[in-house]
C-alpha atoms as a PDB file:
ATOM      1  CA  GLN A   1      25.806  41.051  36.035  1.00  0.00           C
ATOM      2  CA  VAL A   2      27.291  38.717  38.660  1.00  0.00           C
ATOM      3  CA  GLN A   3      29.709  40.070  41.246  1.00  0.00           C
ATOM      4  CA  LEU A   4      32.211  37.911  43.140  1.00  0.00           C
ATOM      5  CA  VAL A   5      34.055  39.241  46.194  1.00  0.00           C
ATOM      6  CA  GLU A   6      36.925  37.259  47.706  1.00  0.00           C
ATOM      7  CA  SER A   7      38.209  37.656  51.249  1.00  0.00           C
ATOM      8  CA  GLY A   8      40.555  35.922  53.671  1.00  0.00           C
ATOM      9  CA  GLY A   9      43.916  36.347  51.982  1.00  0.00           C
ATOM     10  CA  ASP A  10      46.752  36.954  54.413  1.00  0.00           C
ATOM     11  CA  LEU A  11      50.429  36.474  55.218  1.00  0.00           C
ATOM     12  CA  VAL A  12      51.026  33.109  56.911  1.00  0.00           C
ATOM     13  CA  GLN A  13      54.012  30.939  57.754  1.00  0.00           C
ATOM     14  CA  ALA A  14      54.717  27.618  56.065  1.00  0.00           C
ATOM     15  CA  GLY A  15      52.655  24.837  57.624  1.00  0.00           C
ATOM     16  CA  GLY A  16      49.859  27.185  58.612  1.00  0.00           C
ATOM     17  CA  SER A  17      46.221  27.277  57.556  1.00  0.00           C
ATOM     18  CA  LEU A  18      43.930  29.813  55.956  1.00  0.00           C
ATOM     19  CA  ARG A  19      40.311  29.920  54.812  1.00  0.00           C
ATOM     20  CA  LEU A  20      39.238  31.951  51.807  1.00  0.00           C
ATOM     21  CA  SER A  21      35.660  33.035  51.156  1.00  0.00           C
ATOM     22  CA  CYS A  22      33.902  34.186  48.000  1.00  0.00           C
ATOM     23  CA  ALA A  23      30.455  35.754  48.150  1.00  0.00           C
ATOM     24  CA  ALA A  24      28.373  35.943  44.979  1.00  0.00           C
ATOM     25  CA  SER A  25      25.674  38.465  44.209  1.00  0.00           C
ATOM     26  CA  GLY A  26      23.607  39.468  41.216  1.00  0.00           C
ATOM     27  CA  ARG A  27      21.590  37.486  38.706  1.00  0.00           C
ATOM     28  CA  ILE A  28      22.463  33.809  39.058  1.00  0.00           C
ATOM     29  CA  PHE A  29      19.961  31.391  37.546  1.00  0.00           C
ATOM     30  CA  GLY A  30      20.209  27.633  37.237  1.00  0.00           C
ATOM     31  CA  PRO A  31      23.037  25.179  37.839  1.00  0.00           C
ATOM     32  CA  ASN A  32      26.564  26.497  38.105  1.00  0.00           C
ATOM     33  CA  THR A  33      30.112  25.732  39.136  1.00  0.00           C
ATOM     34  CA  MET A  34      32.076  27.915  41.547  1.00  0.00           C
ATOM     35  CA  GLY A  35      35.767  27.495  42.014  1.00  0.00           C
ATOM     36  CA  TRP A  36      39.166  28.847  42.885  1.00  0.00           C
ATOM     37  CA  TYR A  37      42.075  29.579  40.590  1.00  0.00           C
ATOM     38  CA  ARG A  38      45.444  31.049  41.457  1.00  0.00           C
ATOM     39  CA  GLN A  39      48.244  32.912  39.748  1.00  0.00           C
ATOM     40  CA  ALA A  40      51.699  32.830  41.302  1.00  0.00           C
ATOM     41  CA  PRO A  41      54.380  35.418  40.478  1.00  0.00           C
ATOM     42  CA  GLY A  42      55.744  34.792  36.998  1.00  0.00           C
ATOM     43  CA  LYS A  43      53.348  31.909  36.296  1.00  0.00           C
ATOM     44  CA  GLN A  44      50.059  31.361  34.473  1.00  0.00           C
ATOM     45  CA  ARG A  45      46.703  31.127  36.204  1.00  0.00           C
ATOM     46  CA  GLU A  46      45.873  27.561  37.238  1.00  0.00           C
ATOM     47  CA  LEU A  47      42.929  25.609  38.602  1.00  0.00           C
ATOM     48  CA  VAL A  48      42.817  24.969  42.355  1.00  0.00           C
ATOM     49  CA  ALA A  49      39.380  23.416  42.916  1.00  0.00           C
ATOM     50  CA  THR A  50      35.764  23.634  41.771  1.00  0.00           C
ATOM     51  CA  ALA A  51      32.390  22.713  43.247  1.00  0.00           C
ATOM     52  CA  THR A  52      28.943  22.473  41.688  1.00  0.00           C
ATOM     53  CA  ASN A  53      25.775  23.551  43.452  1.00  0.00           C
ATOM     54  CA  GLY A  54      24.848  19.850  43.462  1.00  0.00           C
ATOM     55  CA  GLY A  55      27.858  18.890  45.593  1.00  0.00           C
ATOM     56  CA  SER A  56      30.417  17.549  43.115  1.00  0.00           C
ATOM     57  CA  THR A  57      34.014  18.696  43.644  1.00  0.00           C
ATOM     58  CA  ASN A  58      37.176  18.659  41.574  1.00  0.00           C
ATOM     59  CA  TYR A  59      40.772  19.342  42.645  1.00  0.00           C
ATOM     60  CA  ALA A  60      44.071  19.898  40.959  1.00  0.00           C
ATOM     61  CA  ASP A  61      46.449  17.041  41.808  1.00  0.00           C
ATOM     62  CA  SER A  62      48.863  19.245  43.750  1.00  0.00           C
ATOM     63  CA  MET A  63      46.068  20.448  46.029  1.00  0.00           C
ATOM     64  CA  LYS A  64      44.527  17.071  46.909  1.00  0.00           C
ATOM     65  CA  GLY A  65      44.756  16.264  50.609  1.00  0.00           C
ATOM     66  CA  ARG A  66      45.656  19.815  51.653  1.00  0.00           C
ATOM     67  CA  PHE A  67      42.864  22.003  50.296  1.00  0.00           C
ATOM     68  CA  THR A  68      39.112  21.561  50.695  1.00  0.00           C
ATOM     69  CA  ILE A  69      36.431  23.411  48.756  1.00  0.00           C
ATOM     70  CA  SER A  70      32.892  23.766  50.079  1.00  0.00           C
ATOM     71  CA  ARG A  71      29.735  25.702  49.261  1.00  0.00           C
ATOM     72  CA  ASP A  72      26.891  27.247  51.201  1.00  0.00           C
ATOM     73  CA  ASN A  73      24.224  27.696  48.554  1.00  0.00           C
ATOM     74  CA  ALA A  74      21.877  29.579  50.894  1.00  0.00           C
ATOM     75  CA  LYS A  75      24.606  32.174  51.509  1.00  0.00           C
ATOM     76  CA  ARG A  76      25.747  32.044  47.877  1.00  0.00           C
ATOM     77  CA  THR A  77      29.281  31.584  49.144  1.00  0.00           C
ATOM     78  CA  VAL A  78      32.144  29.236  48.317  1.00  0.00           C
ATOM     79  CA  TYR A  79      35.057  28.543  50.671  1.00  0.00           C
ATOM     80  CA  LEU A  80      38.564  27.218  50.293  1.00  0.00           C
ATOM     81  CA  GLN A  81      40.158  25.704  53.400  1.00  0.00           C
ATOM     82  CA  MET A  82      43.923  25.584  52.936  1.00  0.00           C
ATOM     83  CA  ASN A  83      46.084  23.506  55.279  1.00  0.00           C
ATOM     84  CA  SER A  84      49.800  22.688  55.381  1.00  0.00           C
ATOM     85  CA  LEU A  85      50.573  25.756  53.309  1.00  0.00           C
ATOM     86  CA  LYS A  86      53.849  25.904  51.411  1.00  0.00           C
ATOM     87  CA  PRO A  87      55.792  28.889  50.044  1.00  0.00           C
ATOM     88  CA  GLU A  88      54.901  27.734  46.524  1.00  0.00           C
ATOM     89  CA  ASP A  89      51.221  28.315  47.388  1.00  0.00           C
ATOM     90  CA  THR A  90      51.941  32.047  47.355  1.00  0.00           C
ATOM     91  CA  ALA A  91      49.656  33.557  44.727  1.00  0.00           C
ATOM     92  CA  VAL A  92      46.673  35.733  44.035  1.00  0.00           C
ATOM     93  CA  TYR A  93      43.617  33.508  44.450  1.00  0.00           C
ATOM     94  CA  TYR A  94      40.648  34.237  42.188  1.00  0.00           C
ATOM     95  CA  CYS A  95      37.039  33.158  42.616  1.00  0.00           C
ATOM     96  CA  ASN A  96      35.183  31.953  39.520  1.00  0.00           C
ATOM     97  CA  LEU A  97      31.551  31.209  38.724  1.00  0.00           C
ATOM     98  CA  LYS A  98      30.502  29.454  35.523  1.00  0.00           C
ATOM     99  CA  LEU A  99      26.914  28.890  34.463  1.00  0.00           C
ATOM    100  CA  THR A 100      26.256  25.336  33.306  1.00  0.00           C
ATOM    101  CA  ILE A 101      23.666  26.533  30.810  1.00  0.00           C
ATOM    102  CA  GLY A 102      25.293  28.976  28.429  1.00  0.00           C
ATOM    103  CA  GLY A 103      28.800  28.682  29.880  1.00  0.00           C
ATOM    104  CA  MET A 104      29.185  32.322  30.919  1.00  0.00           C
ATOM    105  CA  ASP A 105      32.161  32.992  33.228  1.00  0.00           C
ATOM    106  CA  TYR A 106      32.511  35.546  36.029  1.00  0.00           C
ATOM    107  CA  TRP A 107      35.628  36.428  38.028  1.00  0.00           C
ATOM    108  CA  GLY A 108      36.459  38.169  41.278  1.00  0.00           C
ATOM    109  CA  LYS A 109      39.341  40.615  41.577  1.00  0.00           C
ATOM    110  CA  GLY A 110      41.415  38.206  43.686  1.00  0.00           C
ATOM    111  CA  THR A 111      42.843  37.986  47.185  1.00  0.00           C
ATOM    112  CA  LEU A 112      46.549  37.681  47.941  1.00  0.00           C
ATOM    113  CA  VAL A 113      47.937  34.722  49.887  1.00  0.00           C
ATOM    114  CA  THR A 114      51.577  34.944  50.920  1.00  0.00           C
ATOM    115  CA  VAL A 115      53.296  31.986  52.588  1.00  0.00           C
ATOM    116  CA  SER A 116      56.670  32.675  54.184  1.00  0.00           C
ATOM    117  CA  SER A 117      59.409  30.129  54.887  1.00  0.00           C
END
């Protein structure tokens, strides 16, 4: 089983910055994609950004230019640098890992980001 533990969620003011971390442990073999999803109050979970172990990244349109995803494969950790935060960014942010071979998904329990006006 793969375990994902998120950290870094906090209460910040609009315009501020925050960096989230997700550390993976367990049996991870072969290529994979790690990413961030979020679920705001009263809304469905949505994609934020993903990154493969080979260096390819993908962002939701609303996050381009403000958020940056990165990976440290040696530490088995993925990061999300969030800048110019807006109140609408308030959500629980979930870490995800998907194996390229087999397609199995794993999820963290989430970390809360609250952006005040």
